[in-house]
Protein backbone atom coordinates (compact mmCIF):
# COMPACT_ATOMS: atom_id res chain seq x y z
CA MET A 1 0.04 -0.03 -0.01
CA VAL A 2 1.26 3.40 -0.82
CA VAL A 3 0.84 6.30 1.54
CA PRO A 4 2.10 9.58 -0.14
CA ASP A 5 4.11 11.98 1.80
CA GLU A 6 1.30 14.56 2.12
CA ILE A 7 -1.11 11.96 3.63
CA ARG A 8 1.76 10.96 6.09
CA ALA A 9 2.17 14.66 6.94
CA ALA A 10 -1.65 14.95 7.61
CA LEU A 11 -1.52 11.86 9.88
CA ALA A 12 1.41 13.23 11.89
CA GLU A 13 -0.16 16.67 12.16
CA HIS A 14 -3.35 15.26 13.56
CA ALA A 15 -1.43 13.03 16.01
CA ARG A 16 0.54 16.15 17.25
CA ALA A 17 -2.68 18.18 17.56
CA GLU A 18 -4.47 15.59 19.79
CA LEU A 19 -1.71 15.10 22.24
CA PRO A 20 -1.81 13.91 25.01
CA ASN A 21 -4.47 11.61 23.56
CA GLU A 22 -4.40 9.21 20.62
CA ALA A 23 -5.68 10.67 17.28
CA CYS A 24 -7.90 8.66 14.92
CA GLY A 25 -9.53 8.89 11.43
CA LEU A 26 -9.91 7.13 8.10
CA VAL A 27 -7.57 6.79 5.12
CA ALA A 28 -9.16 6.37 1.74
CA PHE A 29 -7.20 4.13 -0.66
CA ARG A 30 -8.01 3.64 -4.32
CA ASP A 31 -6.08 0.84 -6.05
CA GLY A 32 -3.68 0.61 -3.04
CA VAL A 33 -2.79 4.31 -3.04
CA ALA A 34 -3.96 6.54 -0.11
CA GLU A 35 -5.88 9.48 -1.69
CA ARG A 36 -7.18 11.28 1.36
CA TYR A 37 -7.19 11.41 5.21
CA VAL A 38 -10.43 12.02 7.00
CA PRO A 39 -9.70 13.09 10.68
CA GLY A 40 -12.00 11.77 13.25
CA ARG A 41 -12.56 12.47 16.87
CA ASN A 42 -11.26 10.01 19.55
CA ALA A 43 -14.48 9.73 21.69
CA ALA A 44 -12.50 8.02 24.34
CA ALA A 45 -10.15 11.08 24.82
CA SER A 46 -7.45 8.76 25.93
CA PRO A 47 -3.77 8.35 25.43
CA TYR A 48 -4.14 4.52 25.59
CA ARG A 49 -7.07 3.76 23.32
CA PHE A 50 -9.31 5.17 20.79
CA GLU A 51 -13.03 5.11 19.78
CA LEU A 52 -13.42 6.54 16.33
CA ASP A 53 -16.12 9.27 15.97
CA VAL A 54 -16.37 10.28 12.28
CA ASP A 55 -19.17 11.66 9.98
CA PRO A 56 -21.14 8.62 8.84
CA GLU A 57 -21.25 9.94 5.27
CA ILE A 58 -17.59 8.99 4.90
CA TRP A 59 -18.64 5.37 4.77
CA PHE A 60 -20.15 6.04 1.43
CA LEU A 61 -16.55 6.46 -0.12
CA GLU A 62 -16.63 2.60 -0.27
CA ASP A 63 -19.49 2.94 -2.69
CA ASP A 64 -17.23 5.10 -4.86
CA GLY A 65 -14.61 2.40 -4.94
CA PHE A 66 -12.37 3.41 -2.05
CA GLU A 67 -11.05 0.97 0.45
CA LEU A 68 -11.10 2.51 3.98
CA ALA A 69 -8.34 1.93 6.48
CA VAL A 70 -8.58 2.99 10.16
CA PHE A 71 -5.90 5.12 11.46
CA HIS A 72 -4.82 5.90 14.98
CA SER A 73 -1.77 7.22 16.80
CA HIS A 74 0.23 5.91 19.66
CA VAL A 75 1.74 8.61 21.76
CA SER A 76 5.05 6.92 22.36
CA SER A 77 4.88 3.24 21.93
CA PRO A 78 5.85 1.56 18.70
CA PRO A 79 3.51 1.49 15.73
CA ARG A 80 2.24 -2.06 16.21
CA PRO A 81 -1.09 -3.05 17.49
CA SER A 82 -1.45 -3.24 21.22
CA ARG A 83 -3.32 -5.89 23.11
CA THR A 84 -6.15 -3.28 23.41
CA ASP A 85 -5.99 -2.71 19.61
CA VAL A 86 -6.29 -6.51 18.96
CA GLU A 87 -9.06 -7.03 21.48
CA ASN A 88 -11.11 -4.07 20.32
CA VAL A 89 -10.67 -4.35 16.52
CA GLY A 90 -14.39 -4.80 16.00
CA LEU A 91 -15.51 -3.49 12.53
CA TRP A 92 -11.94 -3.16 11.51
CA ALA A 93 -11.15 -6.96 11.54
CA GLY A 94 -9.48 -7.77 8.29
CA ARG A 95 -9.22 -4.30 7.01
CA PRO A 96 -6.13 -2.18 6.76
CA TYR A 97 -5.14 -0.74 10.14
CA LEU A 98 -2.60 2.03 10.33
CA ILE A 99 -0.69 3.18 13.37
CA LEU A 100 1.67 6.18 13.63
CA THR A 101 3.95 6.69 16.62
CA GLU A 102 3.75 10.41 17.32
CA ARG A 103 7.12 10.51 19.15
CA THR A 104 9.09 9.08 16.11
CA GLY A 105 6.79 9.73 13.14
CA GLU A 106 7.07 6.03 12.26
CA LEU A 107 4.04 4.64 10.41
CA ALA A 108 3.12 0.95 10.02
CA GLY A 109 0.19 -1.00 8.65
CA TRP A 110 -1.53 -4.19 9.78
CA ARG A 111 -4.37 -6.52 9.29
CA ILE A 112 -5.93 -7.90 12.44
CA ALA A 113 -8.39 -10.88 12.19
CA ASP A 114 -9.22 -13.60 14.68
CA GLY A 115 -6.59 -12.44 17.21
CA ALA A 116 -3.81 -12.75 14.45
CA VAL A 117 -1.85 -9.61 13.48
CA GLU A 118 -0.27 -9.45 9.96
CA PRO A 119 2.05 -6.63 8.78
CA LEU A 120 1.16 -4.75 5.62
CA ASP A 121 3.79 -3.32 3.31
CA LEU A 122 3.60 0.46 3.30
CA THR A 123 5.67 2.60 0.95
CA SER A 124 5.89 6.41 0.36
CA ALA A 125 5.40 8.32 -2.81
């Protein structure tokens, strides 16, 4: 999956803006390339977990051929799914799951399904 520099910058900016809490939102991909980031609100208002609150209209992007990936930030821990992330994957099971570590700016992608965590290959453009 390709995450262009401008999308990466938007993710990092949102993560900084939400400190000390985790940021979250949706990244819209078309043909494996991220085209836009839609910031959400962390309804949990927590530095340890997130509950994505986003305009429900965003889901219609899937009808337009986009694949939606959930995004959230970790304040300082590595960009890999925590036990909380795996246990609370819910609607995001099997979908792209992006995590950015705010402290380092490192971005990683995953798929989480049935308790298994698989890395996704992310590149820049």
